[in-house]
Amino acid sequence: MPDILIERKHALGIASAREVARQWIQQVEQDYGLECSYTEGKDRDLAQFSRAGIDGTVEVTAHTFKLEATLGFLFASFSQQIEQKISRNLDALLEAPKGGTRFA
């Protein structure tokens, strides 16, 4: 079971959802030093991210984002704060007009 599970429904369609996911990936790579990969599929894409102490995935479909993350011992005690920050930032990206907001 993941330490963090965030699910969001949206009405972006797969093309715009991919754009949001790629913005998110770019920011977490820069801001948190996460190593990310992104694989496009026909109906669903999968982003994987990791660094020492955190591993996870973001599943992207035409209607949903689902983020799951497993935290190492040092990060586990901060799981609530980490989840809140990820939720706020993902919500901001999903609500931003195309070309959108920076993930902070």
Protein backbone atom coordinates (compact mmCIF):
# COMPACT_ATOMS: atom_id res chain seq x y z
CA MET A 1 0.00 0.00 0.00
CA PRO A 2 1.41 3.40 -0.94
CA ASP A 3 2.14 6.02 1.72
CA ILE A 4 0.57 8.68 -0.51
CA LEU A 5 -2.40 8.15 -2.80
CA ILE A 6 -3.92 11.09 -4.66
CA GLU A 7 -6.66 10.70 -7.27
CA ARG A 8 -8.17 13.53 -9.27
CA LYS A 9 -10.88 13.48 -11.93
CA HIS A 10 -10.65 15.98 -14.78
CA ALA A 11 -12.22 16.80 -18.11
CA LEU A 12 -9.02 17.64 -20.01
CA GLY A 13 -8.89 14.72 -22.40
CA ILE A 14 -5.72 12.70 -22.88
CA ALA A 15 -3.74 15.30 -24.88
CA SER A 16 -4.13 18.08 -22.32
CA ALA A 17 -3.72 15.64 -19.42
CA ARG A 18 -0.37 14.60 -20.92
CA GLU A 19 0.66 18.25 -21.05
CA VAL A 20 -0.20 18.73 -17.37
CA ALA A 21 1.65 15.53 -16.45
CA ARG A 22 4.74 16.66 -18.34
CA GLN A 23 4.64 20.06 -16.58
CA TRP A 24 4.44 18.26 -13.25
CA ILE A 25 7.37 16.01 -14.16
CA GLN A 26 9.51 18.94 -15.27
CA GLN A 27 8.92 20.75 -11.99
CA VAL A 28 9.58 17.80 -9.68
CA GLU A 29 12.76 17.00 -11.57
CA GLN A 30 13.98 20.59 -11.12
CA ASP A 31 12.66 21.31 -7.64
CA TYR A 32 13.12 17.97 -5.89
CA GLY A 33 15.78 16.16 -7.88
CA LEU A 34 13.46 13.32 -8.81
CA GLU A 35 14.39 11.10 -11.72
CA CYS A 36 11.35 10.68 -13.94
CA SER A 37 10.33 8.68 -16.96
CA TYR A 38 7.15 8.99 -18.99
CA THR A 39 5.58 6.29 -21.13
CA GLU A 40 2.62 7.06 -23.38
CA GLY A 41 0.03 4.38 -23.98
CA LYS A 42 -3.10 4.21 -26.08
CA ASP A 43 -5.57 4.88 -23.25
CA ARG A 44 -3.25 5.50 -20.31
CA ASP A 45 0.18 6.96 -19.69
CA LEU A 46 2.48 6.17 -16.82
CA ALA A 47 5.05 8.48 -15.25
CA GLN A 48 7.51 6.94 -12.81
CA PHE A 49 9.59 8.97 -10.38
CA SER A 50 12.24 8.19 -7.81
CA ARG A 51 15.12 9.39 -5.70
CA ALA A 52 16.58 8.27 -2.41
CA GLY A 53 13.64 7.91 -0.04
CA ILE A 54 10.74 8.15 -2.50
CA ASP A 55 9.41 6.09 -5.38
CA GLY A 56 6.13 6.44 -7.18
CA THR A 57 3.97 6.60 -10.25
CA VAL A 58 1.41 8.89 -11.83
CA GLU A 59 -1.19 7.23 -14.01
CA VAL A 60 -2.71 9.62 -16.56
CA THR A 61 -5.93 8.95 -18.46
CA ALA A 62 -8.36 11.13 -20.38
CA HIS A 63 -10.38 11.53 -17.17
CA THR A 64 -8.13 10.87 -14.15
CA PHE A 65 -4.76 11.40 -12.53
CA LYS A 66 -3.69 8.85 -9.93
CA LEU A 67 -0.48 9.40 -7.98
CA GLU A 68 0.95 6.71 -5.70
CA ALA A 69 4.17 7.15 -3.75
CA THR A 70 6.08 5.06 -1.27
CA LEU A 71 8.24 6.96 1.18
CA GLY A 72 11.41 5.79 2.87
CA PHE A 73 11.91 5.94 6.61
CA LEU A 74 13.21 9.53 6.69
CA PHE A 75 10.31 10.92 4.64
CA ALA A 76 7.55 8.78 6.18
CA SER A 77 7.10 11.08 9.17
CA PHE A 78 6.38 13.96 6.74
CA SER A 79 3.89 12.05 4.57
CA GLN A 80 0.91 14.26 5.46
CA GLN A 81 2.75 17.49 4.62
CA ILE A 82 4.14 16.00 1.40
CA GLU A 83 0.69 14.78 0.35
CA GLN A 84 -0.88 18.18 1.04
CA LYS A 85 1.75 20.00 -1.02
CA ILE A 86 1.43 17.57 -3.94
CA SER A 87 -2.39 17.88 -3.82
CA ARG A 88 -2.31 21.69 -3.84
CA ASN A 89 0.14 21.83 -6.71
CA LEU A 90 -1.61 19.21 -8.81
CA ASP A 91 -4.93 20.98 -8.25
CA ALA A 92 -3.34 24.26 -9.38
CA LEU A 93 -2.06 22.65 -12.57
CA LEU A 94 -5.42 21.06 -13.31
CA GLU A 95 -7.24 24.36 -12.82
CA ALA A 96 -4.73 26.51 -14.72
CA PRO A 97 -5.54 27.77 -18.21
CA LYS A 98 -3.59 26.07 -20.99
CA GLY A 99 0.01 27.14 -20.82
CA GLY A 100 -0.64 27.26 -17.10
CA THR A 101 0.86 27.66 -13.75
CA ARG A 102 4.25 26.67 -12.49
CA PHE A 103 4.26 23.62 -10.20
CA ALA A 104 5.92 24.79 -6.99
